[in-house]
PDB file of N, CA and C in Angstrom:
ATOM      1  N   MET A   1    -130.877 -20.758 -40.510  1.00  0.00           N
ATOM      2  CA  MET A   1    -130.709 -20.460 -39.101  1.00  0.00           C
ATOM      3  C   MET A   1    -130.436 -21.763 -38.351  1.00  0.00           C
ATOM      4  N   LEU A   2    -129.432 -21.757 -37.494  1.00  0.00           N
ATOM      5  CA  LEU A   2    -129.106 -22.928 -36.696  1.00  0.00           C
ATOM      6  C   LEU A   2    -130.160 -23.142 -35.621  1.00  0.00           C
ATOM      7  N   ARG A   3    -130.410 -24.403 -35.319  1.00  0.00           N
ATOM      8  CA  ARG A   3    -131.360 -24.729 -34.263  1.00  0.00           C
ATOM      9  C   ARG A   3    -130.651 -24.619 -32.921  1.00  0.00           C
ATOM     10  N   ASN A   4    -131.338 -24.092 -31.930  1.00  0.00           N
ATOM     11  CA  ASN A   4    -130.751 -23.964 -30.599  1.00  0.00           C
ATOM     12  C   ASN A   4    -130.677 -25.303 -29.882  1.00  0.00           C
ATOM     13  N   ALA A   5    -131.699 -26.111 -30.047  1.00  0.00           N
ATOM     14  CA  ALA A   5    -131.757 -27.376 -29.322  1.00  0.00           C
ATOM     15  C   ALA A   5    -131.739 -28.529 -30.313  1.00  0.00           C
ATOM     16  N   CYS A   6    -131.037 -29.576 -29.948  1.00  0.00           N
ATOM     17  CA  CYS A   6    -131.066 -30.764 -30.785  1.00  0.00           C
ATOM     18  C   CYS A   6    -131.918 -31.815 -30.078  1.00  0.00           C
ATOM     19  N   THR A   7    -132.335 -32.804 -30.841  1.00  0.00           N
ATOM     20  CA  THR A   7    -133.173 -33.852 -30.268  1.00  0.00           C
ATOM     21  C   THR A   7    -132.315 -34.805 -29.439  1.00  0.00           C
ATOM     22  N   LYS A   8    -132.972 -35.617 -28.643  1.00  0.00           N
ATOM     23  CA  LYS A   8    -132.244 -36.604 -27.842  1.00  0.00           C
ATOM     24  C   LYS A   8    -131.477 -37.558 -28.759  1.00  0.00           C
ATOM     25  N   ALA A   9    -132.104 -37.978 -29.853  1.00  0.00           N
ATOM     26  CA  ALA A   9    -131.433 -38.882 -30.799  1.00  0.00           C
ATOM     27  C   ALA A   9    -130.183 -38.222 -31.380  1.00  0.00           C
ATOM     28  N   GLU A  10    -130.266 -36.930 -31.706  1.00  0.00           N
ATOM     29  CA  GLU A  10    -129.094 -36.216 -32.230  1.00  0.00           C
ATOM     30  C   GLU A  10    -127.981 -36.151 -31.188  1.00  0.00           C
ATOM     31  N   ARG A  11    -128.346 -35.899 -29.938  1.00  0.00           N
ATOM     32  CA  ARG A  11    -127.325 -35.846 -28.873  1.00  0.00           C
ATOM     33  C   ARG A  11    -126.625 -37.193 -28.717  1.00  0.00           C
ATOM     34  N   VAL A  12    -127.415 -38.266 -28.750  1.00  0.00           N
ATOM     35  CA  VAL A  12    -126.845 -39.605 -28.586  1.00  0.00           C
ATOM     36  C   VAL A  12    -125.913 -39.936 -29.756  1.00  0.00           C
ATOM     37  N   LEU A  13    -126.366 -39.692 -30.987  1.00  0.00           N
ATOM     38  CA  LEU A  13    -125.519 -39.994 -32.144  1.00  0.00           C
ATOM     39  C   LEU A  13    -124.272 -39.110 -32.144  1.00  0.00           C
ATOM     40  N   TRP A  14    -124.420 -37.830 -31.810  1.00  0.00           N
ATOM     41  CA  TRP A  14    -123.269 -36.926 -31.777  1.00  0.00           C
ATOM     42  C   TRP A  14    -122.211 -37.433 -30.794  1.00  0.00           C
ATOM     43  N   HIS A  15    -122.662 -37.924 -29.657  1.00  0.00           N
ATOM     44  CA  HIS A  15    -121.728 -38.481 -28.670  1.00  0.00           C
ATOM     45  C   HIS A  15    -120.882 -39.594 -29.307  1.00  0.00           C
ATOM     46  N   HIS A  16    -121.529 -40.456 -30.087  1.00  0.00           N
ATOM     47  CA  HIS A  16    -120.815 -41.566 -30.725  1.00  0.00           C
ATOM     48  C   HIS A  16    -119.943 -41.089 -31.882  1.00  0.00           C
ATOM     49  N   LEU A  17    -120.455 -40.187 -32.702  1.00  0.00           N
ATOM     50  CA  LEU A  17    -119.662 -39.698 -33.843  1.00  0.00           C
ATOM     51  C   LEU A  17    -118.423 -38.953 -33.358  1.00  0.00           C
ATOM     52  N   ARG A  18    -118.597 -38.132 -32.370  1.00  0.00           N
ATOM     53  CA  ARG A  18    -117.495 -37.318 -31.857  1.00  0.00           C
ATOM     54  C   ARG A  18    -116.453 -38.203 -31.181  1.00  0.00           C
ATOM     55  N   ARG A  19    -116.917 -39.185 -30.444  1.00  0.00           N
ATOM     56  CA  ARG A  19    -116.018 -40.080 -29.717  1.00  0.00           C
ATOM     57  C   ARG A  19    -115.309 -41.069 -30.627  1.00  0.00           C
ATOM     58  N   SER A  20    -116.041 -41.625 -31.598  1.00  0.00           N
ATOM     59  CA  SER A  20    -115.487 -42.708 -32.404  1.00  0.00           C
ATOM     60  C   SER A  20    -114.523 -42.245 -33.475  1.00  0.00           C
ATOM     61  N   GLN A  21    -114.718 -41.030 -33.991  1.00  0.00           N
ATOM     62  CA  GLN A  21    -113.906 -40.590 -35.127  1.00  0.00           C
ATOM     63  C   GLN A  21    -113.859 -41.731 -36.149  1.00  0.00           C
ATOM     64  N   LEU A  22    -115.007 -42.085 -36.672  1.00  0.00           N
ATOM     65  CA  LEU A  22    -115.143 -43.230 -37.564  1.00  0.00           C
ATOM     66  C   LEU A  22    -114.155 -43.174 -38.714  1.00  0.00           C
ATOM     67  N   GLU A  23    -113.270 -44.133 -38.747  1.00  0.00           N
ATOM     68  CA  GLU A  23    -112.282 -44.265 -39.819  1.00  0.00           C
ATOM     69  C   GLU A  23    -111.527 -42.964 -40.067  1.00  0.00           C
ATOM     70  N   GLY A  24    -111.313 -42.190 -39.027  1.00  0.00           N
ATOM     71  CA  GLY A  24    -110.577 -40.935 -39.160  1.00  0.00           C
ATOM     72  C   GLY A  24    -111.398 -39.792 -39.726  1.00  0.00           C
ATOM     73  N   VAL A  25    -112.695 -40.013 -39.917  1.00  0.00           N
ATOM     74  CA  VAL A  25    -113.571 -38.997 -40.504  1.00  0.00           C
ATOM     75  C   VAL A  25    -114.099 -38.098 -39.396  1.00  0.00           C
ATOM     76  N   LYS A  26    -114.022 -36.805 -39.625  1.00  0.00           N
ATOM     77  CA  LYS A  26    -114.506 -35.831 -38.646  1.00  0.00           C
ATOM     78  C   LYS A  26    -115.880 -35.320 -39.081  1.00  0.00           C
ATOM     79  N   PHE A  27    -116.852 -35.464 -38.195  1.00  0.00           N
ATOM     80  CA  PHE A  27    -118.194 -34.951 -38.457  1.00  0.00           C
ATOM     81  C   PHE A  27    -118.397 -33.652 -37.696  1.00  0.00           C
ATOM     82  N   ARG A  28    -119.240 -32.796 -38.265  1.00  0.00           N
ATOM     83  CA  ARG A  28    -119.634 -31.541 -37.624  1.00  0.00           C
ATOM     84  C   ARG A  28    -121.143 -31.535 -37.489  1.00  0.00           C
ATOM     85  N   ARG A  29    -121.619 -30.800 -36.494  1.00  0.00           N
ATOM     86  CA  ARG A  29    -123.067 -30.682 -36.280  1.00  0.00           C
ATOM     87  C   ARG A  29    -123.594 -29.424 -36.943  1.00  0.00           C
ATOM     88  N   GLN A  30    -124.825 -29.511 -37.413  1.00  0.00           N
ATOM     89  CA  GLN A  30    -125.597 -28.364 -37.905  1.00  0.00           C
ATOM     90  C   GLN A  30    -124.800 -27.466 -38.848  1.00  0.00           C
ATOM     91  N   GLN A  31    -124.304 -28.070 -39.913  1.00  0.00           N
ATOM     92  CA  GLN A  31    -123.565 -27.308 -40.917  1.00  0.00           C
ATOM     93  C   GLN A  31    -124.508 -26.911 -42.046  1.00  0.00           C
ATOM     94  N   PRO A  32    -124.432 -25.654 -42.500  1.00  0.00           N
ATOM     95  CA  PRO A  32    -125.297 -25.221 -43.592  1.00  0.00           C
ATOM     96  C   PRO A  32    -124.778 -25.702 -44.948  1.00  0.00           C
ATOM     97  N   VAL A  33    -125.714 -26.075 -45.800  1.00  0.00           N
ATOM     98  CA  VAL A  33    -125.452 -26.357 -47.209  1.00  0.00           C
ATOM     99  C   VAL A  33    -126.589 -25.680 -47.959  1.00  0.00           C
ATOM    100  N   GLU A  34    -126.258 -24.644 -48.709  1.00  0.00           N
ATOM    101  CA  GLU A  34    -127.258 -23.784 -49.349  1.00  0.00           C
ATOM    102  C   GLU A  34    -128.266 -23.331 -48.293  1.00  0.00           C
ATOM    103  N   ASP A  35    -129.556 -23.622 -48.501  1.00  0.00           N
ATOM    104  CA  ASP A  35    -130.593 -23.142 -47.577  1.00  0.00           C
ATOM    105  C   ASP A  35    -130.917 -24.137 -46.464  1.00  0.00           C
ATOM    106  N   TYR A  36    -130.155 -25.203 -46.353  1.00  0.00           N
ATOM    107  CA  TYR A  36    -130.470 -26.264 -45.403  1.00  0.00           C
ATOM    108  C   TYR A  36    -129.398 -26.370 -44.320  1.00  0.00           C
ATOM    109  N   ILE A  37    -129.829 -26.779 -43.141  1.00  0.00           N
ATOM    110  CA  ILE A  37    -128.919 -27.072 -42.035  1.00  0.00           C
ATOM    111  C   ILE A  37    -128.916 -28.587 -41.863  1.00  0.00           C
ATOM    112  N   THR A  38    -127.750 -29.187 -41.994  1.00  0.00           N
ATOM    113  CA  THR A  38    -127.637 -30.636 -41.866  1.00  0.00           C
ATOM    114  C   THR A  38    -127.575 -31.025 -40.390  1.00  0.00           C
ATOM    115  N   ASP A  39    -127.971 -32.254 -40.093  1.00  0.00           N
ATOM    116  CA  ASP A  39    -127.805 -32.749 -38.723  1.00  0.00           C
ATOM    117  C   ASP A  39    -126.321 -32.982 -38.453  1.00  0.00           C
ATOM    118  N   PHE A  40    -125.674 -33.775 -39.325  1.00  0.00           N
ATOM    119  CA  PHE A  40    -124.244 -34.079 -39.192  1.00  0.00           C
ATOM    120  C   PHE A  40    -123.635 -34.111 -40.582  1.00  0.00           C
ATOM    121  N   LEU A  41    -122.446 -33.556 -40.711  1.00  0.00           N
ATOM    122  CA  LEU A  41    -121.820 -33.444 -42.022  1.00  0.00           C
ATOM    123  C   LEU A  41    -120.322 -33.680 -41.896  1.00  0.00           C
ATOM    124  N   SER A  42    -119.779 -34.376 -42.887  1.00  0.00           N
ATOM    125  CA  SER A  42    -118.333 -34.509 -43.029  1.00  0.00           C
ATOM    126  C   SER A  42    -117.970 -33.962 -44.403  1.00  0.00           C
ATOM    127  N   PHE A  43    -116.967 -33.092 -44.442  1.00  0.00           N
ATOM    128  CA  PHE A  43    -116.527 -32.550 -45.722  1.00  0.00           C
ATOM    129  C   PHE A  43    -115.599 -33.512 -46.453  1.00  0.00           C
ATOM    130  N   LYS A  44    -114.883 -34.363 -45.708  1.00  0.00           N
ATOM    131  CA  LYS A  44    -113.955 -35.322 -46.318  1.00  0.00           C
ATOM    132  C   LYS A  44    -114.115 -36.644 -45.605  1.00  0.00           C
ATOM    133  N   PRO A  45    -114.822 -37.609 -46.137  1.00  0.00           N
ATOM    134  CA  PRO A  45    -115.549 -37.586 -47.389  1.00  0.00           C
ATOM    135  C   PRO A  45    -116.852 -36.808 -47.239  1.00  0.00           C
ATOM    136  N   ARG A  46    -117.492 -36.541 -48.331  1.00  0.00           N
ATOM    137  CA  ARG A  46    -118.690 -35.705 -48.345  1.00  0.00           C
ATOM    138  C   ARG A  46    -119.912 -36.564 -47.983  1.00  0.00           C
ATOM    139  N   ILE A  47    -120.165 -36.644 -46.675  1.00  0.00           N
ATOM    140  CA  ILE A  47    -121.272 -37.448 -46.144  1.00  0.00           C
ATOM    141  C   ILE A  47    -122.130 -36.574 -45.241  1.00  0.00           C
ATOM    142  N   VAL A  48    -123.439 -36.710 -45.398  1.00  0.00           N
ATOM    143  CA  VAL A  48    -124.394 -36.065 -44.501  1.00  0.00           C
ATOM    144  C   VAL A  48    -125.208 -37.168 -43.834  1.00  0.00           C
ATOM    145  N   VAL A  49    -125.365 -37.060 -42.523  1.00  0.00           N
ATOM    146  CA  VAL A  49    -126.208 -37.985 -41.769  1.00  0.00           C
ATOM    147  C   VAL A  49    -127.392 -37.188 -41.238  1.00  0.00           C
ATOM    148  N   GLU A  50    -128.596 -37.641 -41.584  1.00  0.00           N
ATOM    149  CA  GLU A  50    -129.829 -36.988 -41.158  1.00  0.00           C
ATOM    150  C   GLU A  50    -130.640 -37.956 -40.305  1.00  0.00           C
ATOM    151  N   LEU A  51    -131.248 -37.438 -39.248  1.00  0.00           N
ATOM    152  CA  LEU A  51    -132.119 -38.236 -38.386  1.00  0.00           C
ATOM    153  C   LEU A  51    -133.555 -37.792 -38.569  1.00  0.00           C
ATOM    154  N   ASP A  52    -134.440 -38.764 -38.661  1.00  0.00           N
ATOM    155  CA  ASP A  52    -135.857 -38.487 -38.888  1.00  0.00           C
ATOM    156  C   ASP A  52    -136.690 -39.010 -37.734  1.00  0.00           C
ATOM    157  N   GLY A  53    -137.627 -38.178 -37.279  1.00  0.00           N
ATOM    158  CA  GLY A  53    -138.602 -38.602 -36.276  1.00  0.00           C
ATOM    159  C   GLY A  53    -139.883 -38.978 -36.987  1.00  0.00           C
ATOM    160  N   GLY A  54    -141.016 -38.914 -36.266  1.00  0.00           N
ATOM    161  CA  GLY A  54    -142.304 -39.157 -36.902  1.00  0.00           C
ATOM    162  C   GLY A  54    -142.536 -38.112 -37.983  1.00  0.00           C
ATOM    163  N   GLN A  55    -143.015 -38.546 -39.141  1.00  0.00           N
ATOM    164  CA  GLN A  55    -143.132 -37.624 -40.265  1.00  0.00           C
ATOM    165  C   GLN A  55    -144.519 -37.667 -40.881  1.00  0.00           C
ATOM    166  N   HIS A  56    -144.776 -36.637 -41.649  1.00  0.00           N
ATOM    167  CA  HIS A  56    -146.002 -36.578 -42.434  1.00  0.00           C
ATOM    168  C   HIS A  56    -145.606 -36.283 -43.872  1.00  0.00           C
ATOM    169  N   ALA A  57    -146.575 -36.229 -44.760  1.00  0.00           N
ATOM    170  CA  ALA A  57    -146.296 -36.092 -46.195  1.00  0.00           C
ATOM    171  C   ALA A  57    -145.465 -34.851 -46.514  1.00  0.00           C
ATOM    172  N   GLU A  58    -145.758 -33.722 -45.879  1.00  0.00           N
ATOM    173  CA  GLU A  58    -145.010 -32.492 -46.170  1.00  0.00           C
ATOM    174  C   GLU A  58    -143.544 -32.634 -45.786  1.00  0.00           C
ATOM    175  N   ALA A  59    -143.268 -33.276 -44.672  1.00  0.00           N
ATOM    176  CA  ALA A  59    -141.876 -33.449 -44.240  1.00  0.00           C
ATOM    177  C   ALA A  59    -141.126 -34.339 -45.221  1.00  0.00           C
ATOM    178  N   ARG A  60    -141.766 -35.360 -45.727  1.00  0.00           N
ATOM    179  CA  ARG A  60    -141.103 -36.248 -46.692  1.00  0.00           C
ATOM    180  C   ARG A  60    -140.749 -35.491 -47.961  1.00  0.00           C
ATOM    181  N   GLU A  61    -141.651 -34.638 -48.423  1.00  0.00           N
ATOM    182  CA  GLU A  61    -141.365 -33.849 -49.626  1.00  0.00           C
ATOM    183  C   GLU A  61    -140.198 -32.897 -49.360  1.00  0.00           C
ATOM    184  N   HIS A  62    -140.201 -32.257 -48.215  1.00  0.00           N
ATOM    185  CA  HIS A  62    -139.107 -31.355 -47.833  1.00  0.00           C
ATOM    186  C   HIS A  62    -137.794 -32.128 -47.746  1.00  0.00           C
ATOM    187  N   ASP A  63    -137.824 -33.322 -47.140  1.00  0.00           N
ATOM    188  CA  ASP A  63    -136.620 -34.146 -47.038  1.00  0.00           C
ATOM    189  C   ASP A  63    -136.096 -34.533 -48.416  1.00  0.00           C
ATOM    190  N   ALA A  64    -137.002 -34.849 -49.343  1.00  0.00           N
ATOM    191  CA  ALA A  64    -136.579 -35.220 -50.699  1.00  0.00           C
ATOM    192  C   ALA A  64    -135.886 -34.040 -51.381  1.00  0.00           C
ATOM    193  N   GLN A  65    -136.431 -32.829 -51.214  1.00  0.00           N
ATOM    194  CA  GLN A  65    -135.803 -31.635 -51.791  1.00  0.00           C
ATOM    195  C   GLN A  65    -134.441 -31.385 -51.149  1.00  0.00           C
ATOM    196  N   ARG A  66    -134.362 -31.556 -49.847  1.00  0.00           N
ATOM    197  CA  ARG A  66    -133.111 -31.371 -49.110  1.00  0.00           C
ATOM    198  C   ARG A  66    -132.066 -32.368 -49.592  1.00  0.00           C
ATOM    199  N   ASP A  67    -132.459 -33.652 -49.717  1.00  0.00           N
ATOM    200  CA  ASP A  67    -131.530 -34.684 -50.184  1.00  0.00           C
ATOM    201  C   ASP A  67    -131.027 -34.374 -51.591  1.00  0.00           C
ATOM    202  N   GLN A  68    -131.924 -33.913 -52.449  1.00  0.00           N
ATOM    203  CA  GLN A  68    -131.535 -33.565 -53.819  1.00  0.00           C
ATOM    204  C   GLN A  68    -130.502 -32.435 -53.807  1.00  0.00           C
ATOM    205  N   CYS A  69    -130.720 -31.432 -52.981  1.00  0.00           N
ATOM    206  CA  CYS A  69    -129.775 -30.317 -52.855  1.00  0.00           C
ATOM    207  C   CYS A  69    -128.421 -30.819 -52.366  1.00  0.00           C
ATOM    208  N   LEU A  70    -128.435 -31.663 -51.347  1.00  0.00           N
ATOM    209  CA  LEU A  70    -127.185 -32.176 -50.786  1.00  0.00           C
ATOM    210  C   LEU A  70    -126.429 -33.014 -51.813  1.00  0.00           C
ATOM    211  N   ARG A  71    -127.151 -33.855 -52.552  1.00  0.00           N
ATOM    212  CA  ARG A  71    -126.499 -34.667 -53.592  1.00  0.00           C
ATOM    213  C   ARG A  71    -125.934 -33.780 -54.694  1.00  0.00           C
ATOM    214  N   ARG A  72    -126.668 -32.756 -55.053  1.00  0.00           N
ATOM    215  CA  ARG A  72    -126.199 -31.813 -56.075  1.00  0.00           C
ATOM    216  C   ARG A  72    -124.886 -31.156 -55.635  1.00  0.00           C
ATOM    217  N   ASN A  73    -124.706 -31.020 -54.325  1.00  0.00           N
ATOM    218  CA  ASN A  73    -123.482 -30.435 -53.773  1.00  0.00           C
ATOM    219  C   ASN A  73    -122.420 -31.494 -53.477  1.00  0.00           C
ATOM    220  N   GLY A  74    -122.635 -32.709 -53.983  1.00  0.00           N
ATOM    221  CA  GLY A  74    -121.619 -33.747 -53.896  1.00  0.00           C
ATOM    222  C   GLY A  74    -121.627 -34.588 -52.636  1.00  0.00           C
ATOM    223  N   PHE A  75    -122.690 -34.507 -51.836  1.00  0.00           N
ATOM    224  CA  PHE A  75    -122.753 -35.269 -50.589  1.00  0.00           C
ATOM    225  C   PHE A  75    -123.536 -36.567 -50.772  1.00  0.00           C
ATOM    226  N   THR A  76    -123.102 -37.600 -50.092  1.00  0.00           N
ATOM    227  CA  THR A  76    -123.883 -38.816 -49.929  1.00  0.00           C
ATOM    228  C   THR A  76    -124.749 -38.597 -48.695  1.00  0.00           C
ATOM    229  N   VAL A  77    -126.038 -38.893 -48.809  1.00  0.00           N
ATOM    230  CA  VAL A  77    -126.964 -38.662 -47.696  1.00  0.00           C
ATOM    231  C   VAL A  77    -127.362 -39.998 -47.083  1.00  0.00           C
ATOM    232  N   LEU A  78    -127.159 -40.111 -45.780  1.00  0.00           N
ATOM    233  CA  LEU A  78    -127.588 -41.282 -45.018  1.00  0.00           C
ATOM    234  C   LEU A  78    -128.689 -40.835 -44.068  1.00  0.00           C
ATOM    235  N   ARG A  79    -129.836 -41.513 -44.131  1.00  0.00           N
ATOM    236  CA  ARG A  79    -130.961 -41.167 -43.258  1.00  0.00           C
ATOM    237  C   ARG A  79    -131.262 -42.326 -42.326  1.00  0.00           C
ATOM    238  N   PHE A  80    -131.510 -41.991 -41.072  1.00  0.00           N
ATOM    239  CA  PHE A  80    -131.865 -42.983 -40.064  1.00  0.00           C
ATOM    240  C   PHE A  80    -133.060 -42.468 -39.278  1.00  0.00           C
ATOM    241  N   TRP A  81    -133.903 -43.400 -38.831  1.00  0.00           N
ATOM    242  CA  TRP A  81    -134.998 -43.049 -37.936  1.00  0.00           C
ATOM    243  C   TRP A  81    -134.431 -42.854 -36.538  1.00  0.00           C
ATOM    244  N   ASN A  82    -135.042 -41.977 -35.772  1.00  0.00           N
ATOM    245  CA  ASN A  82    -134.629 -41.792 -34.377  1.00  0.00           C
ATOM    246  C   ASN A  82    -134.625 -43.121 -33.626  1.00  0.00           C
ATOM    247  N   ASN A  83    -135.624 -43.970 -33.899  1.00  0.00           N
ATOM    248  CA  ASN A  83    -135.693 -45.273 -33.223  1.00  0.00           C
ATOM    249  C   ASN A  83    -134.444 -46.106 -33.474  1.00  0.00           C
ATOM    250  N   ASP A  84    -133.846 -45.968 -34.665  1.00  0.00           N
ATOM    251  CA  ASP A  84    -132.616 -46.708 -34.961  1.00  0.00           C
ATOM    252  C   ASP A  84    -131.493 -46.303 -34.010  1.00  0.00           C
ATOM    253  N   ILE A  85    -131.454 -45.038 -33.654  1.00  0.00           N
ATOM    254  CA  ILE A  85    -130.408 -44.542 -32.755  1.00  0.00           C
ATOM    255  C   ILE A  85    -130.549 -45.202 -31.383  1.00  0.00           C
ATOM    256  N   PHE A  86    -131.778 -45.341 -30.925  1.00  0.00           N
ATOM    257  CA  PHE A  86    -132.016 -45.899 -29.593  1.00  0.00           C
ATOM    258  C   PHE A  86    -131.979 -47.425 -29.561  1.00  0.00           C
ATOM    259  N   ASN A  87    -132.357 -48.062 -30.676  1.00  0.00           N
ATOM    260  CA  ASN A  87    -132.498 -49.519 -30.669  1.00  0.00           C
ATOM    261  C   ASN A  87    -131.425 -50.270 -31.445  1.00  0.00           C
ATOM    262  N   ASN A  88    -130.654 -49.560 -32.282  1.00  0.00           N
ATOM    263  CA  ASN A  88    -129.678 -50.250 -33.130  1.00  0.00           C
ATOM    264  C   ASN A  88    -128.478 -49.347 -33.419  1.00  0.00           C
ATOM    265  N   MET A  89    -127.906 -48.763 -32.385  1.00  0.00           N
ATOM    266  CA  MET A  89    -126.794 -47.825 -32.579  1.00  0.00           C
ATOM    267  C   MET A  89    -125.625 -48.480 -33.301  1.00  0.00           C
ATOM    268  N   GLU A  90    -125.293 -49.714 -32.945  1.00  0.00           N
ATOM    269  CA  GLU A  90    -124.165 -50.385 -33.609  1.00  0.00           C
ATOM    270  C   GLU A  90    -124.426 -50.529 -35.103  1.00  0.00           C
ATOM    271  N   GLY A  91    -125.664 -50.841 -35.477  1.00  0.00           N
ATOM    272  CA  GLY A  91    -126.010 -50.949 -36.893  1.00  0.00           C
ATOM    273  C   GLY A  91    -125.885 -49.615 -37.607  1.00  0.00           C
ATOM    274  N   VAL A  92    -126.336 -48.547 -36.958  1.00  0.00           N
ATOM    275  CA  VAL A  92    -126.229 -47.195 -37.531  1.00  0.00           C
ATOM    276  C   VAL A  92    -124.761 -46.840 -37.736  1.00  0.00           C
ATOM    277  N   LEU A  93    -123.948 -47.057 -36.717  1.00  0.00           N
ATOM    278  CA  LEU A  93    -122.525 -46.724 -36.820  1.00  0.00           C
ATOM    279  C   LEU A  93    -121.839 -47.562 -37.887  1.00  0.00           C
ATOM    280  N   GLU A  94    -122.272 -48.812 -38.049  1.00  0.00           N
ATOM    281  CA  GLU A  94    -121.670 -49.669 -39.075  1.00  0.00           C
ATOM    282  C   GLU A  94    -121.990 -49.145 -40.477  1.00  0.00           C
ATOM    283  N   VAL A  95    -123.221 -48.710 -40.713  1.00  0.00           N
ATOM    284  CA  VAL A  95    -123.585 -48.147 -42.019  1.00  0.00           C
ATOM    285  C   VAL A  95    -122.747 -46.897 -42.296  1.00  0.00           C
ATOM    286  N   ILE A  96    -122.612 -46.031 -41.305  1.00  0.00           N
ATOM    287  CA  ILE A  96    -121.807 -44.818 -41.473  1.00  0.00           C
ATOM    288  C   ILE A  96    -120.348 -45.196 -41.718  1.00  0.00           C
ATOM    289  N   ARG A  97    -119.838 -46.136 -40.942  1.00  0.00           N
ATOM    290  CA  ARG A  97    -118.445 -46.592 -41.095  1.00  0.00           C
ATOM    291  C   ARG A  97    -118.210 -47.138 -42.506  1.00  0.00           C
ATOM    292  N   GLU A  98    -119.135 -47.969 -43.002  1.00  0.00           N
ATOM    293  CA  GLU A  98    -118.998 -48.530 -44.353  1.00  0.00           C
ATOM    294  C   GLU A  98    -118.947 -47.427 -45.400  1.00  0.00           C
ATOM    295  N   GLN A  99    -119.776 -46.407 -45.236  1.00  0.00           N
ATOM    296  CA  GLN A  99    -119.761 -45.295 -46.190  1.00  0.00           C
ATOM    297  C   GLN A  99    -118.433 -44.548 -46.118  1.00  0.00           C
ATOM    298  N   CYS A 100    -117.912 -44.374 -44.916  1.00  0.00           N
ATOM    299  CA  CYS A 100    -116.614 -43.709 -44.755  1.00  0.00           C
ATOM    300  C   CYS A 100    -115.508 -44.506 -45.433  1.00  0.00           C
ATOM    301  N   LEU A 101    -115.580 -45.829 -45.352  1.00  0.00           N
ATOM    302  CA  LEU A 101    -114.566 -46.676 -45.978  1.00  0.00           C
ATOM    303  C   LEU A 101    -114.648 -46.638 -47.497  1.00  0.00           C
ATOM    304  N   LYS A 102    -115.863 -46.452 -48.033  1.00  0.00           N
ATOM    305  CA  LYS A 102    -116.025 -46.349 -49.490  1.00  0.00           C
ATOM    306  C   LYS A 102    -115.342 -45.105 -50.024  1.00  0.00           C
ATOM    307  N   HIS A 103    -115.336 -44.066 -49.233  1.00  0.00           N
ATOM    308  CA  HIS A 103    -114.778 -42.777 -49.649  1.00  0.00           C
ATOM    309  C   HIS A 103    -113.876 -42.248 -48.548  1.00  0.00           C
ATOM    310  N   PRO A 104    -112.714 -42.863 -48.334  1.00  0.00           N
ATOM    311  CA  PRO A 104    -111.855 -42.397 -47.240  1.00  0.00           C
ATOM    312  C   PRO A 104    -111.374 -40.980 -47.478  1.00  0.00           C
ATOM    313  N   PRO A 105    -111.110 -40.252 -46.405  1.00  0.00           N
ATOM    314  CA  PRO A 105    -110.593 -38.897 -46.582  1.00  0.00           C
ATOM    315  C   PRO A 105    -109.218 -38.960 -47.230  1.00  0.00           C
ATOM    316  N   PRO A 106    -108.873 -37.946 -47.998  1.00  0.00           N
ATOM    317  CA  PRO A 106    -107.553 -37.950 -48.635  1.00  0.00           C
ATOM    318  C   PRO A 106    -106.460 -37.852 -47.582  1.00  0.00           C
ATOM    319  N   PRO A 107    -105.265 -38.374 -47.908  1.00  0.00           N
ATOM    320  CA  PRO A 107    -104.167 -38.243 -46.947  1.00  0.00           C
ATOM    321  C   PRO A 107    -103.796 -36.779 -46.779  1.00  0.00           C
ATOM    322  N   PRO A 108    -103.198 -36.430 -45.645  1.00  0.00           N
ATOM    323  CA  PRO A 108    -102.804 -35.031 -45.456  1.00  0.00           C
ATOM    324  C   PRO A 108    -101.747 -34.634 -46.475  1.00  0.00           C
ATOM    325  N   ASP A 109    -101.704 -33.353 -46.783  1.00  0.00           N
ATOM    326  CA  ASP A 109    -100.686 -32.854 -47.703  1.00  0.00           C
ATOM    327  C   ASP A 109     -99.313 -33.119 -47.109  1.00  0.00           C
ATOM    328  N   PRO A 110     -98.348 -33.476 -47.956  1.00  0.00           N
ATOM    329  CA  PRO A 110     -96.999 -33.685 -47.426  1.00  0.00           C
ATOM    330  C   PRO A 110     -96.418 -32.373 -46.908  1.00  0.00           C
ATOM    331  N   LEU A 111     -95.535 -32.502 -45.943  1.00  0.00           N
ATOM    332  CA  LEU A 111     -94.867 -31.307 -45.421  1.00  0.00           C
ATOM    333  C   LEU A 111     -93.963 -30.724 -46.495  1.00  0.00           C
ATOM    334  N   PRO A 112     -93.826 -29.405 -46.538  1.00  0.00           N
ATOM    335  CA  PRO A 112     -92.895 -28.802 -47.501  1.00  0.00           C
ATOM    336  C   PRO A 112     -91.492 -29.355 -47.271  1.00  0.00           C
ATOM    337  N   ARG A 113     -90.737 -29.407 -48.321  1.00  0.00           N
ATOM    338  CA  ARG A 113     -89.373 -29.956 -48.268  1.00  0.00           C
ATOM    339  C   ARG A 113     -88.574 -29.289 -47.149  1.00  0.00           C
ATOM    340  N   GLY A 114     -87.912 -30.116 -46.366  1.00  0.00           N
ATOM    341  CA  GLY A 114     -87.098 -29.594 -45.282  1.00  0.00           C
ATOM    342  C   GLY A 114     -87.809 -29.573 -43.946  1.00  0.00           C
ATOM    343  N   GLU A 115     -89.158 -29.689 -43.943  1.00  0.00           N
ATOM    344  CA  GLU A 115     -89.894 -29.706 -42.678  1.00  0.00           C
ATOM    345  C   GLU A 115     -90.189 -31.147 -42.297  1.00  0.00           C
ATOM    346  N   GLY A 116     -90.161 -31.428 -41.022  1.00  0.00           N
ATOM    347  CA  GLY A 116     -90.498 -32.759 -40.545  1.00  0.00           C
ATOM    348  C   GLY A 116     -89.361 -33.749 -40.654  1.00  0.00           C
ATOM    349  N   GLU A 117     -88.205 -33.334 -41.101  1.00  0.00           N
ATOM    350  CA  GLU A 117     -87.069 -34.257 -41.230  1.00  0.00           C
ATOM    351  C   GLU A 117     -86.193 -34.188 -40.014  1.00  0.00           C
TER     352      GLU A 117
END
């Protein structure tokens, strides 16, 4: 089930992801992967960005299971603390950008012969 409200940190990061189009990579919010809803996901390349607030032992175990599921589905998982969003946004965006550069999206399919000429 999708969440109705996102956290302030999610809103701030979404503003930057949506605006920056990091290295041509398009991110989506709250995309399902199996039984989990991701914070931010790109299908090309396969990157998931998750934000974490204050946590306890149960949340860490749940996050580990979620990360394992996402990796099993071919995604690289990047996790950041909410505080990183507020105190080090440039650093967060740089880590995401570096990951995008490691796995750039494939070029668009060529136009069928005779089109675009």
